[in-house]
Amino acid sequence: MLGAAGAAVKAGSRPPWLGLGAAVWVQAAGGTSSAFALYSHALKVALGADQRRIALLGVACDVGDSLGLLPGVFCNKLHPALLLLVAAASGVLGYGATWLAVSGVAPALPYWLLWIALCLASNSGAWMSTAVLVTNMRNFPLSRGAVAGILKGYSGLSAAVYTAIYTGVLHGSAANLLLFLTLGVAAVCLLAMYFVKPCEPSLVENSSERAHFLFVQIGSALLGVYLVAATTLDHAVTLTHALNYSLIAVMALLLFAPLAIPLKMTLFRSNRVKGSSAADNNPTEPFLPPSYSGSNFGNIEDEDAADIDVLLAEGEGAVKQKRRRPKRGEDFRFREALLKADFWLLFAVFFIGVGSGVTVLNNLAQVGIAAGAVDTTISLSLFSFGNFFGRLGGGAASDYIVRSWTLPRTVLLTCTQVVMIITYLIFALGLHATLYISVAVLGVCYGVHFSVMVSTSSELFGLKQFGKIYNFIMLANPLGALLFSSLAGYIYDLEAAKQHSAGAAVGSDHVTVCHGPSCFRLMFCVLSGMACLGTLLSVVLTVRIRPVYQMLYAGGSSNQLRSSAH
């Protein structure tokens, strides 16, 4: 039976840009776990819980968002539309239950049931991300860094999108936000089901394709800048309802920008066909990674047929030799990838970088209050924009590094880990003056890890089992959040208890809060030390995989790619 990858080859000549445009909306809607800070305080009040229990609810969001092994398995067997349908159902059930708890419509839910509900709700993001990311990586196998950066970038903007809606339309109501998540995520999934589908892979990179990717990247950057400006403006002055709705309308138009590409290709079809013919007549074969090169595998459908022939031959005793173990850069089976040291080094670096970053994100409201900033929306918007810029810029910069200098993409991870060491030490000072810049810089470092991990794992272990491999590495996110968030909540509650005993740490909602640098100082010192370890591990990984990138991109491969583009 052909999987989703095989279906991509059997599909017609339908261009994949419409699916990429729809995937942008899916990713922008799917990053709901990053919006936890917007309603975490409402949960704390509704449950009467301490910070340690609230931090564990944030971990539930991270766990659900990263539990993608199941969609990773099914992405090779089911159409992406079915994955999106599961995502819609998961979001309705999970966020619906959370809305009942915060709004008071239903009796108070047990803590354990609310934890499961948040895990289920955020798990919709894993199904959505797997459906669109795997499909588009296979539709654009030569532009993995750009695709990963764009899609992960829009996912990083999700928190800023929800912040704009939360402040501009929902008037700061956590209950209304949860109701919006319940219905809105499902609506986006159902609308995108028709458009996100496997297409004929784009195997010839040309100038028009590079221009299209550049257009999408510029459009997403404009959206990010606009969201930060709109959130800051809403915080600085009181806006009328009409102006708030106008700002949201402009945001929606910017989200529609990637759909201009398939619209242009439809209106000017003759130019596209002419360009395609020229590309087909080009005798220079473009560079393909080993997992797609004709010398190794041919097309994916032929590979499946060859595997069947080999199995039949083995059954008849005609073939006795065992299957050759793949080399790095070829298609790995999932269990084969688990045996490679490079896989676990990438997992460890991702565990430290993303696990520590998401811990700060989940505690962003409390970190801001401790530093003297009452409003969380600006911090969350800045982190979201930094996260987006890191994901988008990380994908584009890593493409430049590997094609120009044949250096592994993980060089960027080494640089970001060094920056994180300094950033966490600045956080430990607990100064209001440096809070916003530190949040933005940390968001950039956090985002770079996602785009680099996605591209690196696909290049080291191939695209055939990419869904499983990518989603397994994503488990480092909740594991890191569980470890670091538990420590953060424990330290925060100890310091809050000390201040409460002195009569100085009770908030307006009669919830114990903590003020001052001591609330998180120890936690940030620990995170800085972990970033030192992450720097060392990323250096080791980069040295180990340097020969792989020399094989993939050196020896004339880059020249072949450039010549095929003209």
Protein backbone atom coordinates (compact mmCIF):
# COMPACT_ATOMS: atom_id res chain seq x y z
CA MET A 1 0.00 0.00 0.00
CA LEU A 2 1.37 3.41 -0.92
CA GLY A 3 1.73 5.90 1.90
CA ALA A 4 1.31 9.63 1.80
CA ALA A 5 4.73 10.00 0.23
CA GLY A 6 3.80 7.67 -2.60
CA ALA A 7 0.56 9.53 -3.09
CA ALA A 8 2.57 12.70 -3.59
CA VAL A 9 4.25 11.20 -6.63
CA LYS A 10 1.02 9.78 -8.05
CA ALA A 11 -0.75 13.11 -7.68
CA GLY A 12 -1.23 15.22 -10.75
CA SER A 13 0.66 18.29 -11.73
CA ARG A 14 -1.27 20.43 -9.25
CA PRO A 15 1.24 22.97 -7.87
CA PRO A 16 1.92 22.69 -4.12
CA TRP A 17 1.70 26.42 -3.37
CA LEU A 18 -2.02 26.36 -2.53
CA GLY A 19 -1.33 23.73 0.11
CA LEU A 20 1.50 25.84 1.53
CA GLY A 21 -0.80 28.87 1.74
CA ALA A 22 -3.42 26.86 3.63
CA ALA A 23 -0.71 25.36 5.84
CA VAL A 24 0.20 28.88 6.98
CA TRP A 25 -3.27 29.28 8.49
CA VAL A 26 -3.10 25.85 10.08
CA GLN A 27 0.23 26.63 11.72
CA ALA A 28 -0.88 30.06 12.89
CA ALA A 29 -3.92 28.47 14.53
CA GLY A 30 -2.09 25.40 15.82
CA GLY A 31 0.35 27.01 18.26
CA THR A 32 -2.27 27.23 20.99
CA SER A 33 0.04 25.86 23.68
CA SER A 34 2.07 29.09 23.53
CA ALA A 35 -1.03 31.08 24.51
CA PHE A 36 -1.18 29.42 27.95
CA ALA A 37 0.12 32.57 29.67
CA LEU A 38 -2.99 34.47 28.56
CA TYR A 39 -5.32 32.32 30.66
CA SER A 40 -2.97 30.81 33.24
CA HIS A 41 -3.86 33.39 35.89
CA ALA A 42 -7.58 32.77 35.33
CA LEU A 43 -6.95 29.07 35.86
CA LYS A 44 -4.98 29.84 39.00
CA VAL A 45 -7.89 31.86 40.41
CA ALA A 46 -10.54 29.33 39.34
CA LEU A 47 -8.67 26.43 40.92
CA GLY A 48 -7.19 28.33 43.87
CA ALA A 49 -3.93 26.59 43.00
CA ASP A 50 -0.33 27.46 43.78
CA GLN A 51 2.25 28.25 41.12
CA ARG A 52 3.69 24.75 41.12
CA ARG A 53 0.37 23.23 40.06
CA ILE A 54 -0.20 25.94 37.46
CA ALA A 55 3.27 25.31 36.05
CA LEU A 56 2.35 21.63 35.69
CA LEU A 57 -0.76 22.64 33.74
CA GLY A 58 1.60 24.51 31.41
CA VAL A 59 3.60 21.31 31.11
CA ALA A 60 0.37 19.54 30.10
CA CYS A 61 0.14 21.93 27.14
CA ASP A 62 3.74 21.16 26.19
CA VAL A 63 3.18 17.42 26.56
CA GLY A 64 0.11 17.48 24.33
CA ASP A 65 1.76 19.72 21.75
CA SER A 66 4.75 17.39 21.51
CA LEU A 67 3.00 14.00 21.62
CA GLY A 68 3.21 13.55 17.88
CA LEU A 69 4.30 9.94 17.55
CA LEU A 70 0.76 8.82 16.74
CA PRO A 71 0.25 11.40 13.96
CA GLY A 72 3.83 10.64 12.90
CA VAL A 73 2.87 7.02 12.33
CA PHE A 74 -0.40 7.81 10.60
CA CYS A 75 1.03 10.48 8.30
CA ASN A 76 2.40 7.68 6.09
CA LYS A 77 -0.92 5.85 6.03
CA LEU A 78 -3.69 8.46 6.09
CA HIS A 79 -4.50 11.49 3.98
CA PRO A 80 -3.56 14.79 5.68
CA ALA A 81 -7.25 15.74 5.74
CA LEU A 82 -7.94 12.92 8.20
CA LEU A 83 -5.14 14.14 10.46
CA LEU A 84 -6.70 17.60 10.44
CA LEU A 85 -10.08 16.10 11.30
CA VAL A 86 -8.59 14.42 14.36
CA ALA A 87 -6.98 17.74 15.32
CA ALA A 88 -10.33 19.51 15.13
CA ALA A 89 -12.02 16.95 17.40
CA SER A 90 -9.14 17.04 19.90
CA GLY A 91 -9.28 20.85 20.15
CA VAL A 92 -13.04 20.95 20.67
CA LEU A 93 -12.97 18.39 23.47
CA GLY A 94 -9.89 19.72 25.28
CA TYR A 95 -10.46 23.46 25.12
CA GLY A 96 -14.19 22.98 25.60
CA ALA A 97 -13.57 21.31 28.96
CA THR A 98 -11.07 24.02 29.96
CA TRP A 99 -13.59 26.73 29.03
CA LEU A 100 -16.17 25.08 31.28
CA ALA A 101 -13.69 25.19 34.18
CA VAL A 102 -12.75 28.86 33.76
CA SER A 103 -16.18 30.24 32.83
CA GLY A 104 -17.94 28.57 35.76
CA VAL A 105 -20.67 27.18 33.49
CA ALA A 106 -20.06 23.70 34.89
CA PRO A 107 -19.06 22.58 38.39
CA ALA A 108 -15.35 22.77 39.18
CA LEU A 109 -13.39 20.07 37.38
CA PRO A 110 -10.84 17.92 39.25
CA TYR A 111 -7.26 19.03 38.74
CA TRP A 112 -6.25 15.76 37.07
CA LEU A 113 -9.13 15.99 34.60
CA LEU A 114 -8.19 19.55 33.69
CA TRP A 115 -4.58 18.42 33.15
CA ILE A 116 -5.77 15.75 30.71
CA ALA A 117 -8.09 18.25 28.98
CA LEU A 118 -5.22 20.70 28.36
CA CYS A 119 -3.02 17.87 27.13
CA LEU A 120 -5.74 16.76 24.71
CA ALA A 121 -6.40 20.35 23.58
CA SER A 122 -2.80 21.15 22.77
CA ASN A 123 -2.35 17.75 21.13
CA SER A 124 -4.46 19.11 18.29
CA GLY A 125 -1.41 21.21 17.41
CA ALA A 126 0.72 18.07 16.99
CA TRP A 127 -1.78 16.59 14.50
CA MET A 128 -2.03 19.89 12.63
CA SER A 129 1.73 20.45 12.48
CA THR A 130 2.46 16.89 11.36
CA ALA A 131 -0.17 17.03 8.61
CA VAL A 132 1.09 20.26 7.05
CA LEU A 133 4.82 19.98 7.78
CA VAL A 134 5.34 16.44 6.48
CA THR A 135 3.17 17.10 3.43
CA ASN A 136 4.93 20.32 2.47
CA MET A 137 8.44 19.02 3.19
CA ARG A 138 7.71 16.25 0.70
CA ASN A 139 6.14 18.65 -1.77
CA PHE A 140 9.27 20.88 -1.64
CA PRO A 141 12.15 18.42 -0.99
CA LEU A 142 14.79 20.87 -2.28
CA SER A 143 13.69 23.74 -0.02
CA ARG A 144 13.48 22.05 3.37
CA GLY A 145 15.05 24.90 5.31
CA ALA A 146 12.73 27.49 3.78
CA VAL A 147 9.62 25.34 4.28
CA ALA A 148 10.53 24.47 7.86
CA GLY A 149 11.34 28.10 8.66
CA ILE A 150 8.11 29.44 7.16
CA LEU A 151 5.74 26.91 8.69
CA LYS A 152 7.44 26.84 12.08
CA GLY A 153 7.64 30.63 11.91
CA TYR A 154 3.89 31.01 11.55
CA SER A 155 3.47 28.55 14.41
CA GLY A 156 5.71 30.80 16.47
CA LEU A 157 3.51 33.79 15.57
CA SER A 158 0.48 31.95 16.91
CA ALA A 159 0.84 33.44 20.40
CA ALA A 160 0.99 36.98 18.97
CA VAL A 161 -2.08 36.29 16.81
CA TYR A 162 -4.04 35.07 19.82
CA THR A 163 -2.76 37.97 21.92
CA ALA A 164 -4.05 40.46 19.33
CA ILE A 165 -7.44 38.73 19.30
CA TYR A 166 -7.45 38.48 23.11
CA THR A 167 -6.81 42.19 23.66
CA GLY A 168 -8.52 43.65 20.60
CA VAL A 169 -11.70 41.61 20.21
CA LEU A 170 -12.18 39.55 23.35
CA HIS A 171 -11.40 42.47 25.72
CA GLY A 172 -8.99 40.51 27.89
CA SER A 173 -11.48 37.76 28.81
CA ALA A 174 -9.78 34.41 29.41
CA ALA A 175 -13.11 32.57 29.24
CA ASN A 176 -13.90 34.09 25.83
CA LEU A 177 -10.41 33.23 24.61
CA LEU A 178 -10.89 29.57 25.54
CA LEU A 179 -14.25 29.52 23.79
CA PHE A 180 -12.60 31.05 20.73
CA LEU A 181 -9.90 28.35 20.80
CA THR A 182 -12.58 25.68 21.11
CA LEU A 183 -14.41 26.78 17.96
CA GLY A 184 -11.72 28.61 15.97
CA VAL A 185 -9.10 25.86 15.79
CA ALA A 186 -11.70 23.35 14.61
CA ALA A 187 -12.96 25.76 11.95
CA VAL A 188 -9.47 26.30 10.50
CA CYS A 189 -8.81 22.54 10.38
CA LEU A 190 -12.08 21.82 8.59
CA LEU A 191 -11.49 24.59 6.03
CA ALA A 192 -7.90 23.46 5.32
CA MET A 193 -8.78 19.79 4.80
CA TYR A 194 -9.39 20.25 1.08
CA PHE A 195 -6.25 22.27 0.34
CA VAL A 196 -3.48 20.49 2.30
CA LYS A 197 -2.71 17.44 0.20
CA PRO A 198 0.26 15.66 -1.39
CA CYS A 199 1.25 17.06 -4.76
CA GLU A 200 3.87 16.30 -7.38
CA PRO A 201 7.18 17.17 -5.63
CA SER A 202 8.94 20.31 -6.78
CA LEU A 203 12.23 18.71 -7.89
CA VAL A 204 13.63 21.63 -9.92
CA GLU A 205 14.41 24.80 -8.02
CA ASN A 206 14.27 27.89 -10.23
CA SER A 207 14.32 31.63 -9.86
CA SER A 208 10.51 31.91 -9.67
CA GLU A 209 10.35 29.39 -6.83
CA ARG A 210 13.01 31.28 -4.88
CA ALA A 211 11.06 34.49 -5.49
CA HIS A 212 7.88 32.85 -4.21
CA PHE A 213 9.58 31.71 -1.01
CA LEU A 214 11.07 35.18 -0.55
CA PHE A 215 7.61 36.70 -0.97
CA VAL A 216 6.17 34.43 1.73
CA GLN A 217 9.07 35.17 4.07
CA ILE A 218 8.70 38.94 3.61
CA GLY A 219 4.94 38.70 4.11
CA SER A 220 5.37 36.73 7.33
CA ALA A 221 7.98 39.22 8.58
CA LEU A 222 5.57 42.10 7.93
CA LEU A 223 2.90 40.21 9.85
CA GLY A 224 5.23 39.74 12.80
CA VAL A 225 6.20 43.41 12.92
CA TYR A 226 2.57 44.43 12.56
CA LEU A 227 1.44 42.21 15.44
CA VAL A 228 4.08 43.61 17.80
CA ALA A 229 3.18 47.18 16.80
CA ALA A 230 -0.56 46.55 17.19
CA THR A 231 -0.12 44.96 20.63
CA THR A 232 2.13 47.80 21.81
CA LEU A 233 -0.31 50.41 20.48
CA ASP A 234 -3.22 48.74 22.25
CA HIS A 235 -1.22 48.77 25.47
CA ALA A 236 -0.12 52.40 25.14
CA VAL A 237 -3.45 54.00 24.25
CA THR A 238 -7.12 53.13 24.56
CA LEU A 239 -8.45 52.07 21.16
CA THR A 240 -12.06 52.18 20.04
CA HIS A 241 -13.89 48.97 19.15
CA ALA A 242 -13.95 49.95 15.48
CA LEU A 243 -10.17 50.48 15.40
CA ASN A 244 -9.57 47.18 17.20
CA TYR A 245 -11.64 45.32 14.62
CA SER A 246 -9.80 47.13 11.83
CA LEU A 247 -6.45 45.99 13.23
CA ILE A 248 -7.69 42.39 13.31
CA ALA A 249 -8.91 42.70 9.72
CA VAL A 250 -5.46 43.85 8.57
CA MET A 251 -3.91 40.91 10.42
CA ALA A 252 -6.23 38.52 8.56
CA LEU A 253 -5.26 40.07 5.21
CA LEU A 254 -1.55 39.58 5.99
CA LEU A 255 -2.28 35.95 6.85
CA PHE A 256 -3.86 35.57 3.40
CA ALA A 257 -0.71 36.90 1.69
CA PRO A 258 0.82 33.46 0.81
CA LEU A 259 -2.34 32.61 -1.14
CA ALA A 260 -1.37 35.33 -3.62
CA ILE A 261 1.13 32.88 -5.14
CA PRO A 262 -1.37 30.21 -6.29
CA LEU A 263 -3.70 33.03 -7.36
CA LYS A 264 -0.95 34.52 -9.52
CA MET A 265 -0.12 31.09 -10.96
CA THR A 266 -3.78 30.59 -11.84
CA LEU A 267 -4.20 33.98 -13.49
CA PHE A 268 -0.90 33.72 -15.40
CA ARG A 269 -0.96 30.01 -16.16
CA SER A 270 0.77 30.37 -19.55
CA ASN A 271 3.89 31.86 -17.94
CA ARG A 272 4.02 29.05 -15.42
CA VAL A 273 3.72 26.37 -18.10
CA LYS A 274 6.42 28.05 -20.19
CA GLY A 275 8.74 28.19 -17.20
CA SER A 276 8.07 24.56 -16.41
CA SER A 277 8.91 23.48 -19.93
CA ALA A 278 12.20 25.34 -19.81
CA ALA A 279 13.05 23.66 -16.56
CA ASP A 280 12.18 20.25 -17.95
CA ASN A 281 14.44 20.83 -20.97
CA ASN A 282 17.37 21.79 -18.79
CA PRO A 283 19.86 18.91 -19.15
CA THR A 284 21.52 19.70 -15.83
CA GLU A 285 20.17 17.46 -13.09
CA PRO A 286 19.50 19.41 -9.90
CA PHE A 287 21.13 18.38 -6.68
CA LEU A 288 18.96 16.07 -4.62
CA PRO A 289 19.75 14.76 -1.17
CA PRO A 290 20.38 11.00 -1.20
CA SER A 291 16.90 10.25 0.07
CA TYR A 292 15.52 11.65 -3.22
CA SER A 293 18.35 11.14 -5.71
CA GLY A 294 17.75 8.88 -8.64
CA SER A 295 21.02 7.03 -8.09
CA ASN A 296 19.89 5.77 -4.73
CA PHE A 297 16.15 5.43 -4.72
CA GLY A 298 14.52 6.73 -7.89
CA ASN A 299 11.03 7.93 -7.09
CA ILE A 300 9.23 6.83 -3.97
CA GLU A 301 6.71 4.67 -5.80
CA ASP A 302 9.49 2.69 -7.51
CA GLU A 303 11.11 2.22 -4.12
CA ASP A 304 7.96 0.66 -2.69
CA ALA A 305 7.68 -1.66 -5.69
CA ALA A 306 11.35 -2.63 -5.35
CA ASP A 307 10.86 -3.43 -1.67
CA ILE A 308 7.98 -5.76 -2.57
CA ASP A 309 10.11 -7.51 -5.21
CA VAL A 310 12.94 -7.98 -2.70
CA LEU A 311 10.57 -9.45 -0.13
CA LEU A 312 9.16 -11.91 -2.69
CA ALA A 313 12.65 -12.87 -3.79
CA GLU A 314 13.72 -13.46 -0.20
CA GLY A 315 10.67 -15.66 0.34
CA GLU A 316 11.67 -17.76 -2.66
CA GLY A 317 15.25 -18.04 -1.46
CA ALA A 318 16.66 -15.99 -4.31
CA VAL A 319 18.04 -13.26 -2.06
CA LYS A 320 20.08 -14.17 1.01
CA GLN A 321 21.93 -11.00 1.96
CA LYS A 322 20.66 -8.72 4.70
CA ARG A 323 19.51 -5.17 4.04
CA ARG A 324 22.41 -2.73 4.07
CA ARG A 325 22.28 -0.33 6.97
CA PRO A 326 21.71 3.23 5.71
CA LYS A 327 24.36 5.88 5.93
CA ARG A 328 23.67 9.30 7.35
CA GLY A 329 21.91 11.30 4.66
CA GLU A 330 19.92 8.32 3.40
CA ASP A 331 16.44 7.17 4.41
CA PHE A 332 16.45 5.59 7.87
CA ARG A 333 13.82 3.45 9.44
CA PHE A 334 12.69 4.80 12.79
CA ARG A 335 14.37 2.09 14.85
CA GLU A 336 17.59 2.50 12.85
CA ALA A 337 17.67 6.22 13.63
CA LEU A 338 17.28 5.45 17.35
CA LEU A 339 20.61 3.59 17.26
CA LYS A 340 22.60 6.58 16.00
CA ALA A 341 24.54 8.78 18.43
CA ASP A 342 23.78 11.82 16.24
CA PHE A 343 20.08 11.30 16.84
CA TRP A 344 20.48 11.46 20.62
CA LEU A 345 22.88 14.40 20.47
CA LEU A 346 20.30 16.34 18.44
CA PHE A 347 17.64 15.26 20.95
CA ALA A 348 19.75 16.45 23.90
CA VAL A 349 20.52 19.85 22.37
CA PHE A 350 16.85 20.33 21.54
CA PHE A 351 15.88 19.18 25.07
CA ILE A 352 18.04 21.86 26.69
CA GLY A 353 17.29 24.72 24.31
CA VAL A 354 13.54 24.26 23.92
CA GLY A 355 12.84 22.81 27.36
CA SER A 356 14.40 25.78 29.12
CA GLY A 357 12.80 28.29 26.75
CA VAL A 358 9.29 26.92 27.16
CA THR A 359 9.73 26.99 30.94
CA VAL A 360 10.20 30.76 30.77
CA LEU A 361 7.25 31.02 28.38
CA ASN A 362 4.92 29.11 30.71
CA ASN A 363 5.99 31.27 33.67
CA LEU A 364 6.11 34.52 31.69
CA ALA A 365 3.26 36.13 33.64
CA GLN A 366 4.95 35.42 36.98
CA VAL A 367 8.40 36.41 35.68
CA GLY A 368 6.94 39.74 34.57
CA ILE A 369 5.16 40.37 37.87
CA ALA A 370 8.34 39.54 39.80
CA ALA A 371 10.21 42.12 37.70
CA GLY A 372 7.49 44.74 38.18
CA ALA A 373 5.62 44.37 34.85
CA VAL A 374 1.93 43.72 35.49
CA ASP A 375 0.76 43.37 31.87
CA THR A 376 1.71 40.03 30.31
CA THR A 377 0.52 40.76 26.78
CA ILE A 378 3.54 42.80 25.68
CA SER A 379 6.00 40.19 26.98
CA LEU A 380 4.07 37.39 25.30
CA SER A 381 3.85 39.32 22.04
CA LEU A 382 7.60 40.05 22.09
CA PHE A 383 8.43 36.41 22.83
CA SER A 384 6.10 35.31 20.04
CA PHE A 385 7.69 37.71 17.54
CA GLY A 386 11.18 36.64 18.59
CA ASN A 387 10.10 33.00 18.32
CA PHE A 388 8.74 33.64 14.83
CA PHE A 389 11.84 35.54 13.72
CA GLY A 390 14.08 32.75 15.07
CA ARG A 391 12.15 30.07 13.22
CA LEU A 392 11.90 31.96 9.95
CA GLY A 393 15.44 33.36 10.10
CA GLY A 394 16.85 30.06 11.34
CA GLY A 395 15.50 28.25 8.28
CA ALA A 396 16.79 30.86 5.82
CA ALA A 397 20.17 31.33 7.55
CA SER A 398 20.79 27.60 7.84
CA ASP A 399 20.08 27.18 4.12
CA TYR A 400 22.65 29.89 3.39
CA ILE A 401 25.23 28.29 5.69
CA VAL A 402 24.99 24.82 4.21
CA ARG A 403 24.94 25.97 0.58
CA SER A 404 27.64 28.62 0.85
CA TRP A 405 30.05 27.12 3.38
CA THR A 406 28.93 23.44 3.62
CA LEU A 407 28.69 23.85 7.39
CA PRO A 408 26.05 21.88 9.32
CA ARG A 409 22.92 23.75 10.30
CA THR A 410 23.69 22.95 13.93
CA VAL A 411 26.29 25.74 13.90
CA LEU A 412 23.31 28.01 14.53
CA LEU A 413 22.35 25.95 17.58
CA THR A 414 25.81 26.48 19.04
CA CYS A 415 25.50 30.24 18.57
CA THR A 416 22.02 30.41 20.09
CA GLN A 417 23.02 28.33 23.11
CA VAL A 418 25.84 30.79 23.81
CA VAL A 419 23.38 33.68 23.60
CA MET A 420 21.01 31.83 25.95
CA ILE A 421 23.76 31.56 28.58
CA ILE A 422 24.01 35.36 28.71
CA THR A 423 20.26 35.92 28.45
CA TYR A 424 19.44 33.71 31.43
CA LEU A 425 22.05 35.53 33.54
CA ILE A 426 20.37 38.83 32.62
CA PHE A 427 17.00 37.35 33.59
CA ALA A 428 18.49 36.37 36.95
CA LEU A 429 19.06 40.05 37.74
CA GLY A 430 15.29 40.54 37.76
CA LEU A 431 15.43 44.06 36.32
CA HIS A 432 12.36 45.63 34.72
CA ALA A 433 14.56 47.64 32.34
CA THR A 434 15.99 44.52 30.68
CA LEU A 435 12.86 42.35 30.82
CA TYR A 436 11.42 43.01 27.37
CA ILE A 437 14.69 42.81 25.45
CA SER A 438 15.60 39.59 27.27
CA VAL A 439 12.21 38.08 26.45
CA ALA A 440 12.58 38.96 22.75
CA VAL A 441 16.14 37.57 22.51
CA LEU A 442 15.12 34.36 24.26
CA GLY A 443 12.22 34.01 21.82
CA VAL A 444 14.64 34.21 18.88
CA CYS A 445 16.92 31.54 20.37
CA TYR A 446 13.93 29.34 21.19
CA GLY A 447 12.60 29.60 17.63
CA VAL A 448 15.90 28.81 15.92
CA HIS A 449 15.93 25.38 17.57
CA PHE A 450 12.70 24.34 15.82
CA SER A 451 13.59 25.17 12.22
CA VAL A 452 17.15 23.83 12.54
CA MET A 453 16.00 20.60 14.19
CA VAL A 454 13.38 19.93 11.51
CA SER A 455 15.79 20.47 8.60
CA THR A 456 18.71 18.67 10.23
CA SER A 457 16.73 15.56 11.13
CA SER A 458 15.34 15.31 7.59
CA GLU A 459 18.83 15.58 6.08
CA LEU A 460 20.50 13.12 8.44
CA PHE A 461 17.75 10.48 8.43
CA GLY A 462 15.71 11.13 5.26
CA LEU A 463 12.07 11.94 4.60
CA LYS A 464 10.61 8.44 4.44
CA GLN A 465 10.12 8.17 8.23
CA PHE A 466 10.41 11.88 8.88
CA GLY A 467 7.04 12.08 10.64
CA LYS A 468 8.06 9.59 13.32
CA ILE A 469 11.61 10.89 13.75
CA TYR A 470 10.61 14.56 13.94
CA ASN A 471 7.80 13.91 16.42
CA PHE A 472 10.00 11.74 18.65
CA ILE A 473 12.58 14.51 18.92
CA MET A 474 9.72 16.89 19.72
CA LEU A 475 9.19 14.90 22.93
CA ALA A 476 12.26 16.69 24.26
CA ASN A 477 10.07 19.78 24.58
CA PRO A 478 7.65 18.49 27.28
CA LEU A 479 10.38 16.48 29.02
CA GLY A 480 12.51 19.58 29.38
CA ALA A 481 9.49 21.64 30.42
CA LEU A 482 8.52 19.05 33.04
CA LEU A 483 11.98 19.04 34.59
CA PHE A 484 12.66 22.78 34.50
CA SER A 485 9.08 23.94 35.21
CA SER A 486 8.85 21.74 38.30
CA LEU A 487 12.04 23.37 39.58
CA ALA A 488 10.76 26.86 38.70
CA GLY A 489 7.43 26.32 40.46
CA TYR A 490 9.10 24.90 43.57
CA ILE A 491 11.54 27.83 43.86
CA TYR A 492 8.80 30.40 43.20
CA ASP A 493 6.45 28.96 45.83
CA LEU A 494 9.22 28.86 48.45
CA GLU A 495 10.07 32.52 47.91
CA ALA A 496 6.38 33.53 47.75
CA ALA A 497 5.77 31.75 51.06
CA LYS A 498 8.64 33.71 52.65
CA GLN A 499 7.21 37.00 51.41
CA HIS A 500 3.68 36.02 52.41
CA SER A 501 4.82 35.32 55.95
CA ALA A 502 6.09 38.90 55.96
CA GLY A 503 2.68 40.09 54.71
CA ALA A 504 3.81 41.40 51.34
CA ALA A 505 2.87 38.89 48.64
CA VAL A 506 -0.91 38.56 48.41
CA GLY A 507 -2.45 39.70 45.13
CA SER A 508 -5.82 41.23 44.44
CA ASP A 509 -7.34 37.80 43.86
CA HIS A 510 -6.03 36.55 47.23
CA VAL A 511 -3.50 34.37 45.42
CA THR A 512 0.02 34.26 46.80
CA VAL A 513 2.44 36.01 44.45
CA CYS A 514 6.14 36.76 44.56
CA HIS A 515 7.96 40.02 43.83
CA GLY A 516 11.62 40.74 43.23
CA PRO A 517 14.68 39.10 41.62
CA SER A 518 14.84 36.31 44.20
CA CYS A 519 11.66 34.68 42.83
CA PHE A 520 13.41 33.08 39.85
CA ARG A 521 17.11 33.87 40.35
CA LEU A 522 18.15 30.30 41.21
CA MET A 523 16.12 28.90 38.32
CA PHE A 524 17.77 31.19 35.77
CA CYS A 525 21.23 30.33 37.09
CA VAL A 526 20.41 26.64 36.60
CA LEU A 527 19.12 27.30 33.08
CA SER A 528 22.30 29.21 32.26
CA GLY A 529 24.38 26.24 33.38
CA MET A 530 22.26 23.92 31.23
CA ALA A 531 22.83 26.20 28.24
CA CYS A 532 26.58 25.75 28.79
CA LEU A 533 26.07 22.00 28.53
CA GLY A 534 23.93 22.49 25.42
CA THR A 535 26.69 24.53 23.81
CA LEU A 536 29.20 21.72 24.37
CA LEU A 537 26.85 19.06 22.99
CA SER A 538 26.02 21.12 19.90
CA VAL A 539 29.72 21.57 19.15
CA VAL A 540 30.22 17.79 19.37
CA LEU A 541 27.23 17.19 17.07
CA THR A 542 28.44 19.75 14.54
CA VAL A 543 31.89 18.18 14.34
CA ARG A 544 30.41 14.69 13.92
CA ILE A 545 28.02 15.55 11.08
CA ARG A 546 30.30 17.91 9.14
CA PRO A 547 31.28 15.12 6.68
CA VAL A 548 27.58 14.50 5.94
CA TYR A 549 27.05 18.07 4.85
CA GLN A 550 30.23 18.04 2.79
CA MET A 551 28.81 14.99 1.01
CA LEU A 552 25.39 16.59 0.47
CA TYR A 553 26.37 20.09 -0.55
CA ALA A 554 30.05 20.07 -1.64
CA GLY A 555 31.73 18.62 -4.70
CA GLY A 556 29.76 20.64 -7.24
CA SER A 557 26.33 19.97 -5.80
CA SER A 558 25.74 23.62 -5.06
CA ASN A 559 26.83 24.57 -8.55
CA GLN A 560 24.41 22.07 -10.03
CA LEU A 561 21.63 23.55 -7.94
CA ARG A 562 22.44 27.07 -9.07
CA SER A 563 22.72 26.09 -12.71
CA SER A 564 19.36 24.33 -12.66
CA ALA A 565 17.77 27.44 -11.21
CA HIS A 566 18.67 29.60 -14.20
